[in-house]
PDB file of all heavy atoms in Angstrom:
ATOM      1  N   ASP A   1     -40.245  22.190  -8.850  1.00  0.00           N
ATOM      2  CA  ASP A   1     -40.972  22.442 -10.100  1.00  0.00           C
ATOM      3  C   ASP A   1     -40.452  23.662 -10.857  1.00  0.00           C
ATOM      4  O   ASP A   1     -40.755  23.834 -12.042  1.00  0.00           O
ATOM      5  CB  ASP A   1     -42.465  22.608  -9.817  1.00  0.00           C
ATOM      6  CG  ASP A   1     -43.164  21.267  -9.628  1.00  0.00           C
ATOM      7  OD1 ASP A   1     -42.730  20.287 -10.269  1.00  0.00           O
ATOM      8  OD2 ASP A   1     -44.118  21.202  -8.829  1.00  0.00           O
ATOM      9  N   SER A   2     -39.657  24.507 -10.199  1.00  0.00           N
ATOM     10  CA  SER A   2     -39.127  25.687 -10.874  1.00  0.00           C
ATOM     11  C   SER A   2     -37.877  25.365 -11.694  1.00  0.00           C
ATOM     12  O   SER A   2     -37.365  26.219 -12.421  1.00  0.00           O
ATOM     13  CB  SER A   2     -38.792  26.773  -9.845  1.00  0.00           C
ATOM     14  OG  SER A   2     -37.732  26.360  -8.993  1.00  0.00           O
ATOM     15  N   PHE A   3     -37.387  24.118 -11.600  1.00  0.00           N
ATOM     16  CA  PHE A   3     -36.172  23.728 -12.319  1.00  0.00           C
ATOM     17  C   PHE A   3     -36.515  22.982 -13.606  1.00  0.00           C
ATOM     18  O   PHE A   3     -37.558  22.332 -13.721  1.00  0.00           O
ATOM     19  CB  PHE A   3     -35.293  22.834 -11.430  1.00  0.00           C
ATOM     20  CG  PHE A   3     -34.532  23.596 -10.390  1.00  0.00           C
ATOM     21  CD1 PHE A   3     -35.152  24.028  -9.222  1.00  0.00           C
ATOM     22  CD2 PHE A   3     -33.197  23.911 -10.564  1.00  0.00           C
ATOM     23  CE1 PHE A   3     -34.467  24.742  -8.259  1.00  0.00           C
ATOM     24  CE2 PHE A   3     -32.500  24.631  -9.618  1.00  0.00           C
ATOM     25  CZ  PHE A   3     -33.127  25.043  -8.465  1.00  0.00           C
ATOM     26  N   ASP A   4     -35.606  23.087 -14.569  1.00  0.00           N
ATOM     27  CA  ASP A   4     -35.740  22.306 -15.790  1.00  0.00           C
ATOM     28  C   ASP A   4     -35.362  20.858 -15.516  1.00  0.00           C
ATOM     29  O   ASP A   4     -34.750  20.541 -14.502  1.00  0.00           O
ATOM     30  CB  ASP A   4     -34.826  22.866 -16.888  1.00  0.00           C
ATOM     31  CG  ASP A   4     -35.237  24.261 -17.326  1.00  0.00           C
ATOM     32  OD1 ASP A   4     -36.453  24.550 -17.282  1.00  0.00           O
ATOM     33  OD2 ASP A   4     -34.346  25.049 -17.693  1.00  0.00           O
ATOM     34  N   LYS A   5     -35.686  19.978 -16.446  1.00  0.00           N
ATOM     35  CA  LYS A   5     -35.317  18.575 -16.301  1.00  0.00           C
ATOM     36  C   LYS A   5     -33.806  18.415 -16.461  1.00  0.00           C
ATOM     37  O   LYS A   5     -33.177  19.068 -17.297  1.00  0.00           O
ATOM     38  CB  LYS A   5     -36.057  17.723 -17.333  1.00  0.00           C
ATOM     39  CG  LYS A   5     -37.561  17.652 -17.098  1.00  0.00           C
ATOM     40  CD  LYS A   5     -38.243  16.727 -18.067  1.00  0.00           C
ATOM     41  CE  LYS A   5     -38.247  17.288 -19.474  1.00  0.00           C
ATOM     42  NZ  LYS A   5     -39.043  16.438 -20.393  1.00  0.00           N
ATOM     43  N   ALA A   6     -33.226  17.529 -15.657  1.00  0.00           N
ATOM     44  CA  ALA A   6     -31.776  17.324 -15.677  1.00  0.00           C
ATOM     45  C   ALA A   6     -31.327  16.758 -17.015  1.00  0.00           C
ATOM     46  O   ALA A   6     -31.976  15.898 -17.601  1.00  0.00           O
ATOM     47  CB  ALA A   6     -31.368  16.383 -14.540  1.00  0.00           C
ATOM     48  N   ASN A   7     -30.198  17.259 -17.470  1.00  0.00           N
ATOM     49  CA  ASN A   7     -29.583  16.746 -18.693  1.00  0.00           C
ATOM     50  C   ASN A   7     -28.072  16.705 -18.483  1.00  0.00           C
ATOM     51  O   ASN A   7     -27.290  17.126 -19.331  1.00  0.00           O
ATOM     52  CB  ASN A   7     -29.949  17.635 -19.887  1.00  0.00           C
ATOM     53  CG  ASN A   7     -29.503  17.039 -21.208  1.00  0.00           C
ATOM     54  OD1 ASN A   7     -29.398  15.823 -21.344  1.00  0.00           O
ATOM     55  ND2 ASN A   7     -29.219  17.898 -22.174  1.00  0.00           N
ATOM     56  N   ASP A   8     -27.676  16.211 -17.310  1.00  0.00           N
ATOM     57  CA  ASP A   8     -26.273  16.257 -16.915  1.00  0.00           C
ATOM     58  C   ASP A   8     -25.488  15.117 -17.547  1.00  0.00           C
ATOM     59  O   ASP A   8     -26.007  14.047 -17.818  1.00  0.00           O
ATOM     60  CB  ASP A   8     -26.134  16.191 -15.399  1.00  0.00           C
ATOM     61  CG  ASP A   8     -26.770  14.935 -14.813  1.00  0.00           C
ATOM     62  OD1 ASP A   8     -27.970  14.717 -15.081  1.00  0.00           O
ATOM     63  OD2 ASP A   8     -26.077  14.175 -14.120  1.00  0.00           O
ATOM     64  N   ALA A   9     -24.205  15.371 -17.747  1.00  0.00           N
ATOM     65  CA  ALA A   9     -23.287  14.355 -18.252  1.00  0.00           C
ATOM     66  C   ALA A   9     -21.979  14.494 -17.472  1.00  0.00           C
ATOM     67  O   ALA A   9     -20.995  15.059 -17.971  1.00  0.00           O
ATOM     68  CB  ALA A   9     -23.052  14.529 -19.746  1.00  0.00           C
ATOM     69  N   PRO A  10     -21.937  14.005 -16.219  1.00  0.00           N
ATOM     70  CA  PRO A  10     -20.730  14.169 -15.407  1.00  0.00           C
ATOM     71  C   PRO A  10     -19.534  13.441 -15.999  1.00  0.00           C
ATOM     72  O   PRO A  10     -19.677  12.379 -16.620  1.00  0.00           O
ATOM     73  CB  PRO A  10     -21.139  13.551 -14.062  1.00  0.00           C
ATOM     74  CG  PRO A  10     -22.213  12.576 -14.403  1.00  0.00           C
ATOM     75  CD  PRO A  10     -22.966  13.213 -15.543  1.00  0.00           C
ATOM     76  N   LYS A  11     -18.362  14.017 -15.811  1.00  0.00           N
ATOM     77  CA  LYS A  11     -17.138  13.368 -16.279  1.00  0.00           C
ATOM     78  C   LYS A  11     -16.803  12.188 -15.374  1.00  0.00           C
ATOM     79  O   LYS A  11     -17.069  12.206 -14.178  1.00  0.00           O
ATOM     80  CB  LYS A  11     -15.984  14.378 -16.281  1.00  0.00           C
ATOM     81  CG  LYS A  11     -16.154  15.490 -17.309  1.00  0.00           C
ATOM     82  CD  LYS A  11     -14.957  16.436 -17.297  1.00  0.00           C
ATOM     83  CE  LYS A  11     -15.116  17.540 -18.335  1.00  0.00           C
ATOM     84  NZ  LYS A  11     -13.971  18.490 -18.306  1.00  0.00           N
ATOM     85  N   TYR A  12     -16.188  11.179 -15.952  1.00  0.00           N
ATOM     86  CA  TYR A  12     -15.790   9.982 -15.221  1.00  0.00           C
ATOM     87  C   TYR A  12     -14.712  10.336 -14.197  1.00  0.00           C
ATOM     88  O   TYR A  12     -13.777  11.079 -14.507  1.00  0.00           O
ATOM     89  CB  TYR A  12     -15.265   8.948 -16.209  1.00  0.00           C
ATOM     90  CG  TYR A  12     -14.777   7.665 -15.592  1.00  0.00           C
ATOM     91  CD1 TYR A  12     -15.637   6.861 -14.859  1.00  0.00           C
ATOM     92  CD2 TYR A  12     -13.457   7.254 -15.764  1.00  0.00           C
ATOM     93  CE1 TYR A  12     -15.190   5.671 -14.300  1.00  0.00           C
ATOM     94  CE2 TYR A  12     -13.001   6.066 -15.222  1.00  0.00           C
ATOM     95  CZ  TYR A  12     -13.867   5.280 -14.491  1.00  0.00           C
ATOM     96  OH  TYR A  12     -13.432   4.110 -13.938  1.00  0.00           O
ATOM     97  N   THR A  13     -14.844   9.814 -12.974  1.00  0.00           N
ATOM     98  CA  THR A  13     -13.930  10.204 -11.895  1.00  0.00           C
ATOM     99  C   THR A  13     -12.965   9.107 -11.460  1.00  0.00           C
ATOM    100  O   THR A  13     -12.136   9.332 -10.580  1.00  0.00           O
ATOM    101  CB  THR A  13     -14.724  10.659 -10.657  1.00  0.00           C
ATOM    102  OG1 THR A  13     -15.547   9.571 -10.205  1.00  0.00           O
ATOM    103  CG2 THR A  13     -15.601  11.857 -10.997  1.00  0.00           C
ATOM    104  N   ALA A  14     -13.061   7.916 -12.033  1.00  0.00           N
ATOM    105  CA  ALA A  14     -12.126   6.820 -11.744  1.00  0.00           C
ATOM    106  C   ALA A  14     -12.039   6.497 -10.258  1.00  0.00           C
ATOM    107  O   ALA A  14     -10.958   6.210  -9.735  1.00  0.00           O
ATOM    108  CB  ALA A  14     -10.738   7.157 -12.298  1.00  0.00           C
ATOM    109  N   ASN A  15     -13.172   6.562  -9.569  1.00  0.00           N
ATOM    110  CA  ASN A  15     -13.193   6.199  -8.154  1.00  0.00           C
ATOM    111  C   ASN A  15     -12.898   4.706  -8.011  1.00  0.00           C
ATOM    112  O   ASN A  15     -13.429   3.896  -8.759  1.00  0.00           O
ATOM    113  CB  ASN A  15     -14.565   6.523  -7.560  1.00  0.00           C
ATOM    114  CG  ASN A  15     -14.537   6.620  -6.058  1.00  0.00           C
ATOM    115  OD1 ASN A  15     -13.574   7.096  -5.480  1.00  0.00           O
ATOM    116  ND2 ASN A  15     -15.602   6.179  -5.417  1.00  0.00           N
ATOM    117  N   ARG A  16     -12.056   4.334  -7.053  1.00  0.00           N
ATOM    118  CA  ARG A  16     -11.641   2.945  -6.908  1.00  0.00           C
ATOM    119  C   ARG A  16     -11.778   2.483  -5.459  1.00  0.00           C
ATOM    120  O   ARG A  16     -11.259   3.124  -4.540  1.00  0.00           O
ATOM    121  CB  ARG A  16     -10.195   2.764  -7.363  1.00  0.00           C
ATOM    122  CG  ARG A  16      -9.997   2.942  -8.860  1.00  0.00           C
ATOM    123  CD  ARG A  16     -10.641   1.810  -9.644  1.00  0.00           C
ATOM    124  NE  ARG A  16     -10.430   1.939 -11.075  1.00  0.00           N
ATOM    125  CZ  ARG A  16     -11.254   2.563 -11.909  1.00  0.00           C
ATOM    126  NH1 ARG A  16     -12.362   3.132 -11.427  1.00  0.00           N
ATOM    127  NH2 ARG A  16     -10.992   2.628 -13.196  1.00  0.00           N
ATOM    128  N   PHE A  17     -12.446   1.334  -5.268  1.00  0.00           N
ATOM    129  CA  PHE A  17     -12.646   0.787  -3.930  1.00  0.00           C
ATOM    130  C   PHE A  17     -11.323   0.410  -3.280  1.00  0.00           C
ATOM    131  O   PHE A  17     -11.136   0.586  -2.073  1.00  0.00           O
ATOM    132  CB  PHE A  17     -13.562  -0.439  -4.009  1.00  0.00           C
ATOM    133  CG  PHE A  17     -13.784  -1.118  -2.681  1.00  0.00           C
ATOM    134  CD1 PHE A  17     -14.561  -0.521  -1.704  1.00  0.00           C
ATOM    135  CD2 PHE A  17     -13.187  -2.342  -2.399  1.00  0.00           C
ATOM    136  CE1 PHE A  17     -14.756  -1.140  -0.473  1.00  0.00           C
ATOM    137  CE2 PHE A  17     -13.375  -2.961  -1.175  1.00  0.00           C
ATOM    138  CZ  PHE A  17     -14.171  -2.364  -0.216  1.00  0.00           C
ATOM    139  N   TRP A  18     -10.364  -0.087  -4.063  1.00  0.00           N
ATOM    140  CA  TRP A  18      -9.093  -0.515  -3.475  1.00  0.00           C
ATOM    141  C   TRP A  18      -8.344   0.668  -2.860  1.00  0.00           C
ATOM    142  O   TRP A  18      -7.614   0.500  -1.873  1.00  0.00           O
ATOM    143  CB  TRP A  18      -8.226  -1.234  -4.512  1.00  0.00           C
ATOM    144  CG  TRP A  18      -7.676  -0.378  -5.617  1.00  0.00           C
ATOM    145  CD1 TRP A  18      -8.196  -0.201  -6.857  1.00  0.00           C
ATOM    146  CD2 TRP A  18      -6.473   0.424  -5.578  1.00  0.00           C
ATOM    147  NE1 TRP A  18      -7.422   0.661  -7.599  1.00  0.00           N
ATOM    148  CE2 TRP A  18      -6.351   1.051  -6.844  1.00  0.00           C
ATOM    149  CE3 TRP A  18      -5.507   0.673  -4.620  1.00  0.00           C
ATOM    150  CZ2 TRP A  18      -5.297   1.901  -7.164  1.00  0.00           C
ATOM    151  CZ3 TRP A  18      -4.442   1.525  -4.928  1.00  0.00           C
ATOM    152  CH2 TRP A  18      -4.347   2.124  -6.185  1.00  0.00           C
ATOM    153  N   ARG A  19      -8.526   1.855  -3.409  1.00  0.00           N
ATOM    154  CA  ARG A  19      -7.871   3.030  -2.828  1.00  0.00           C
ATOM    155  C   ARG A  19      -8.429   3.322  -1.434  1.00  0.00           C
ATOM    156  O   ARG A  19      -7.685   3.686  -0.523  1.00  0.00           O
ATOM    157  CB  ARG A  19      -8.068   4.247  -3.741  1.00  0.00           C
ATOM    158  CG  ARG A  19      -7.312   4.166  -5.049  1.00  0.00           C
ATOM    159  CD  ARG A  19      -7.620   5.352  -5.928  1.00  0.00           C
ATOM    160  NE  ARG A  19      -6.893   5.273  -7.193  1.00  0.00           N
ATOM    161  CZ  ARG A  19      -7.338   5.771  -8.332  1.00  0.00           C
ATOM    162  NH1 ARG A  19      -8.515   6.388  -8.363  1.00  0.00           N
ATOM    163  NH2 ARG A  19      -6.625   5.673  -9.442  1.00  0.00           N
ATOM    164  N   LEU A  20      -9.741   3.164  -1.293  1.00  0.00           N
ATOM    165  CA  LEU A  20     -10.346   3.322   0.023  1.00  0.00           C
ATOM    166  C   LEU A  20      -9.807   2.277   0.988  1.00  0.00           C
ATOM    167  O   LEU A  20      -9.506   2.594   2.143  1.00  0.00           O
ATOM    168  CB  LEU A  20     -11.870   3.205  -0.091  1.00  0.00           C
ATOM    169  CG  LEU A  20     -12.647   3.100   1.222  1.00  0.00           C
ATOM    170  CD1 LEU A  20     -12.402   4.314   2.109  1.00  0.00           C
ATOM    171  CD2 LEU A  20     -14.139   2.930   0.950  1.00  0.00           C
ATOM    172  N   CYS A  21      -9.692   1.036   0.533  1.00  0.00           N
ATOM    173  CA  CYS A  21      -9.172  -0.034   1.400  1.00  0.00           C
ATOM    174  C   CYS A  21      -7.750   0.280   1.866  1.00  0.00           C
ATOM    175  O   CYS A  21      -7.433   0.147   3.049  1.00  0.00           O
ATOM    176  CB  CYS A  21      -9.192  -1.374   0.661  1.00  0.00           C
ATOM    177  SG  CYS A  21     -10.831  -2.092   0.478  1.00  0.00           S
ATOM    178  N   VAL A  22      -6.899   0.690   0.924  1.00  0.00           N
ATOM    179  CA  VAL A  22      -5.509   1.008   1.276  1.00  0.00           C
ATOM    180  C   VAL A  22      -5.456   2.168   2.264  1.00  0.00           C
ATOM    181  O   VAL A  22      -4.754   2.110   3.283  1.00  0.00           O
ATOM    182  CB  VAL A  22      -4.691   1.345   0.008  1.00  0.00           C
ATOM    183  CG1 VAL A  22      -3.316   1.901   0.378  1.00  0.00           C
ATOM    184  CG2 VAL A  22      -4.530   0.101  -0.864  1.00  0.00           C
ATOM    185  N   ALA A  23      -6.211   3.232   1.965  1.00  0.00           N
ATOM    186  CA  ALA A  23      -6.225   4.397   2.847  1.00  0.00           C
ATOM    187  C   ALA A  23      -6.736   4.014   4.234  1.00  0.00           C
ATOM    188  O   ALA A  23      -6.199   4.468   5.253  1.00  0.00           O
ATOM    189  CB  ALA A  23      -7.084   5.500   2.249  1.00  0.00           C
ATOM    190  N   SER A  24      -7.762   3.171   4.294  1.00  0.00           N
ATOM    191  CA  SER A  24      -8.369   2.790   5.571  1.00  0.00           C
ATOM    192  C   SER A  24      -7.412   1.966   6.418  1.00  0.00           C
ATOM    193  O   SER A  24      -7.278   2.188   7.622  1.00  0.00           O
ATOM    194  CB  SER A  24      -9.657   1.996   5.325  1.00  0.00           C
ATOM    195  OG  SER A  24     -10.589   2.777   4.613  1.00  0.00           O
ATOM    196  N   ILE A  25      -6.740   0.998   5.794  1.00  0.00           N
ATOM    197  CA  ILE A  25      -5.798   0.150   6.533  1.00  0.00           C
ATOM    198  C   ILE A  25      -4.657   0.988   7.099  1.00  0.00           C
ATOM    199  O   ILE A  25      -4.286   0.864   8.273  1.00  0.00           O
ATOM    200  CB  ILE A  25      -5.268  -0.975   5.626  1.00  0.00           C
ATOM    201  CG1 ILE A  25      -6.398  -1.968   5.305  1.00  0.00           C
ATOM    202  CG2 ILE A  25      -4.106  -1.705   6.295  1.00  0.00           C
ATOM    203  CD1 ILE A  25      -6.054  -2.960   4.215  1.00  0.00           C
ATOM    204  N   ILE A  26      -4.103   1.872   6.258  1.00  0.00           N
ATOM    205  CA  ILE A  26      -3.010   2.738   6.724  1.00  0.00           C
ATOM    206  C   ILE A  26      -3.505   3.673   7.820  1.00  0.00           C
ATOM    207  O   ILE A  26      -2.851   3.868   8.856  1.00  0.00           O
ATOM    208  CB  ILE A  26      -2.417   3.539   5.546  1.00  0.00           C
ATOM    209  CG1 ILE A  26      -1.722   2.590   4.570  1.00  0.00           C
ATOM    210  CG2 ILE A  26      -1.435   4.600   6.053  1.00  0.00           C
ATOM    211  CD1 ILE A  26      -1.227   3.260   3.304  1.00  0.00           C
ATOM    212  N   TYR A  27      -4.670   4.254   7.599  1.00  0.00           N
ATOM    213  CA  TYR A  27      -5.239   5.202   8.564  1.00  0.00           C
ATOM    214  C   TYR A  27      -5.403   4.554   9.933  1.00  0.00           C
ATOM    215  O   TYR A  27      -4.926   5.085  10.950  1.00  0.00           O
ATOM    216  CB  TYR A  27      -6.587   5.694   8.036  1.00  0.00           C
ATOM    217  CG  TYR A  27      -7.323   6.667   8.938  1.00  0.00           C
ATOM    218  CD1 TYR A  27      -7.068   8.026   8.888  1.00  0.00           C
ATOM    219  CD2 TYR A  27      -8.301   6.211   9.833  1.00  0.00           C
ATOM    220  CE1 TYR A  27      -7.747   8.925   9.705  1.00  0.00           C
ATOM    221  CE2 TYR A  27      -8.990   7.101  10.649  1.00  0.00           C
ATOM    222  CZ  TYR A  27      -8.712   8.450  10.575  1.00  0.00           C
ATOM    223  OH  TYR A  27      -9.392   9.328  11.393  1.00  0.00           O
ATOM    224  N   TYR A  28      -6.058   3.389   9.980  1.00  0.00           N
ATOM    225  CA  TYR A  28      -6.331   2.763  11.273  1.00  0.00           C
ATOM    226  C   TYR A  28      -5.067   2.208  11.923  1.00  0.00           C
ATOM    227  O   TYR A  28      -4.958   2.179  13.156  1.00  0.00           O
ATOM    228  CB  TYR A  28      -7.396   1.681  11.127  1.00  0.00           C
ATOM    229  CG  TYR A  28      -8.779   2.262  10.973  1.00  0.00           C
ATOM    230  CD1 TYR A  28      -9.527   2.074   9.811  1.00  0.00           C
ATOM    231  CD2 TYR A  28      -9.338   3.051  11.977  1.00  0.00           C
ATOM    232  CE1 TYR A  28     -10.795   2.620   9.675  1.00  0.00           C
ATOM    233  CE2 TYR A  28     -10.594   3.610  11.844  1.00  0.00           C
ATOM    234  CZ  TYR A  28     -11.315   3.386  10.698  1.00  0.00           C
ATOM    235  OH  TYR A  28     -12.560   3.960  10.564  1.00  0.00           O
ATOM    236  N   ALA A  29      -4.109   1.787  11.115  1.00  0.00           N
ATOM    237  CA  ALA A  29      -2.835   1.339  11.680  1.00  0.00           C
ATOM    238  C   ALA A  29      -2.130   2.500  12.381  1.00  0.00           C
ATOM    239  O   ALA A  29      -1.601   2.341  13.496  1.00  0.00           O
ATOM    240  CB  ALA A  29      -1.947   0.760  10.582  1.00  0.00           C
ATOM    241  N   ILE A  30      -2.142   3.668  11.754  1.00  0.00           N
ATOM    242  CA  ILE A  30      -1.485   4.839  12.339  1.00  0.00           C
ATOM    243  C   ILE A  30      -2.256   5.341  13.554  1.00  0.00           C
ATOM    244  O   ILE A  30      -1.653   5.743  14.566  1.00  0.00           O
ATOM    245  CB  ILE A  30      -1.332   5.943  11.278  1.00  0.00           C
ATOM    246  CG1 ILE A  30      -0.326   5.483  10.216  1.00  0.00           C
ATOM    247  CG2 ILE A  30      -0.872   7.257  11.901  1.00  0.00           C
ATOM    248  CD1 ILE A  30      -0.227   6.390   9.031  1.00  0.00           C
ATOM    249  N   VAL A  31      -3.591   5.315  13.479  1.00  0.00           N
ATOM    250  CA  VAL A  31      -4.393   5.695  14.642  1.00  0.00           C
ATOM    251  C   VAL A  31      -4.072   4.779  15.826  1.00  0.00           C
ATOM    252  O   VAL A  31      -3.913   5.230  16.964  1.00  0.00           O
ATOM    253  CB  VAL A  31      -5.902   5.638  14.316  1.00  0.00           C
ATOM    254  CG1 VAL A  31      -6.730   5.838  15.585  1.00  0.00           C
ATOM    255  CG2 VAL A  31      -6.269   6.702  13.297  1.00  0.00           C
ATOM    256  N   PHE A  32      -3.971   3.478  15.544  1.00  0.00           N
ATOM    257  CA  PHE A  32      -3.668   2.490  16.594  1.00  0.00           C
ATOM    258  C   PHE A  32      -2.291   2.745  17.203  1.00  0.00           C
ATOM    259  O   PHE A  32      -2.137   2.772  18.433  1.00  0.00           O
ATOM    260  CB  PHE A  32      -3.740   1.080  16.003  1.00  0.00           C
ATOM    261  CG  PHE A  32      -3.428  -0.014  16.992  1.00  0.00           C
ATOM    262  CD1 PHE A  32      -4.344  -0.364  17.973  1.00  0.00           C
ATOM    263  CD2 PHE A  32      -2.215  -0.683  16.946  1.00  0.00           C
ATOM    264  CE1 PHE A  32      -4.066  -1.363  18.881  1.00  0.00           C
ATOM    265  CE2 PHE A  32      -1.924  -1.689  17.846  1.00  0.00           C
ATOM    266  CZ  PHE A  32      -2.847  -2.033  18.820  1.00  0.00           C
ATOM    267  N   LEU A  33      -1.292   2.957  16.357  1.00  0.00           N
ATOM    268  CA  LEU A  33       0.074   3.180  16.842  1.00  0.00           C
ATOM    269  C   LEU A  33       0.211   4.521  17.555  1.00  0.00           C
ATOM    270  O   LEU A  33       1.077   4.674  18.423  1.00  0.00           O
ATOM    271  CB  LEU A  33       1.059   3.108  15.674  1.00  0.00           C
ATOM    272  CG  LEU A  33       1.202   1.734  14.994  1.00  0.00           C
ATOM    273  CD1 LEU A  33       2.072   1.847  13.751  1.00  0.00           C
ATOM    274  CD2 LEU A  33       1.792   0.719  15.975  1.00  0.00           C
ATOM    275  N   GLY A  34      -0.640   5.477  17.197  1.00  0.00           N
ATOM    276  CA  GLY A  34      -0.530   6.809  17.792  1.00  0.00           C
ATOM    277  C   GLY A  34      -1.524   7.082  18.901  1.00  0.00           C
ATOM    278  O   GLY A  34      -1.730   8.249  19.284  1.00  0.00           O
ATOM    279  N   GLN A  35      -2.149   6.021  19.438  1.00  0.00           N
ATOM    280  CA  GLN A  35      -3.159   6.208  20.494  1.00  0.00           C
ATOM    281  C   GLN A  35      -2.611   6.930  21.710  1.00  0.00           C
ATOM    282  O   GLN A  35      -3.339   7.666  22.384  1.00  0.00           O
ATOM    283  CB  GLN A  35      -3.721   4.848  20.926  1.00  0.00           C
ATOM    284  CG  GLN A  35      -4.658   4.211  19.923  1.00  0.00           C
ATOM    285  CD  GLN A  35      -5.206   2.895  20.427  1.00  0.00           C
ATOM    286  OE1 GLN A  35      -6.304   2.832  20.988  1.00  0.00           O
ATOM    287  NE2 GLN A  35      -4.449   1.829  20.254  1.00  0.00           N
ATOM    288  N   TRP A  36      -1.339   6.709  21.999  1.00  0.00           N
ATOM    289  CA  TRP A  36      -0.747   7.329  23.197  1.00  0.00           C
ATOM    290  C   TRP A  36      -0.754   8.847  23.113  1.00  0.00           C
ATOM    291  O   TRP A  36      -0.782   9.539  24.137  1.00  0.00           O
ATOM    292  CB  TRP A  36       0.681   6.816  23.397  1.00  0.00           C
ATOM    293  CG  TRP A  36       1.623   7.162  22.269  1.00  0.00           C
ATOM    294  CD1 TRP A  36       1.800   6.480  21.101  1.00  0.00           C
ATOM    295  CD2 TRP A  36       2.505   8.288  22.215  1.00  0.00           C
ATOM    296  NE1 TRP A  36       2.732   7.111  20.307  1.00  0.00           N
ATOM    297  CE2 TRP A  36       3.191   8.217  20.973  1.00  0.00           C
ATOM    298  CE3 TRP A  36       2.795   9.350  23.071  1.00  0.00           C
ATOM    299  CZ2 TRP A  36       4.134   9.163  20.584  1.00  0.00           C
ATOM    300  CZ3 TRP A  36       3.736  10.289  22.681  1.00  0.00           C
ATOM    301  CH2 TRP A  36       4.396  10.188  21.459  1.00  0.00           C
TER     302      TRP A  36
END
């Protein structure tokens, strides 16, 4: 209650699901190959 009402306007960040997919596939492939 001590805060004013929000009036935010965040900038667009261009977050992309495909980037997560690519990073995840590469990440887990390397984790798998480097288990030793």
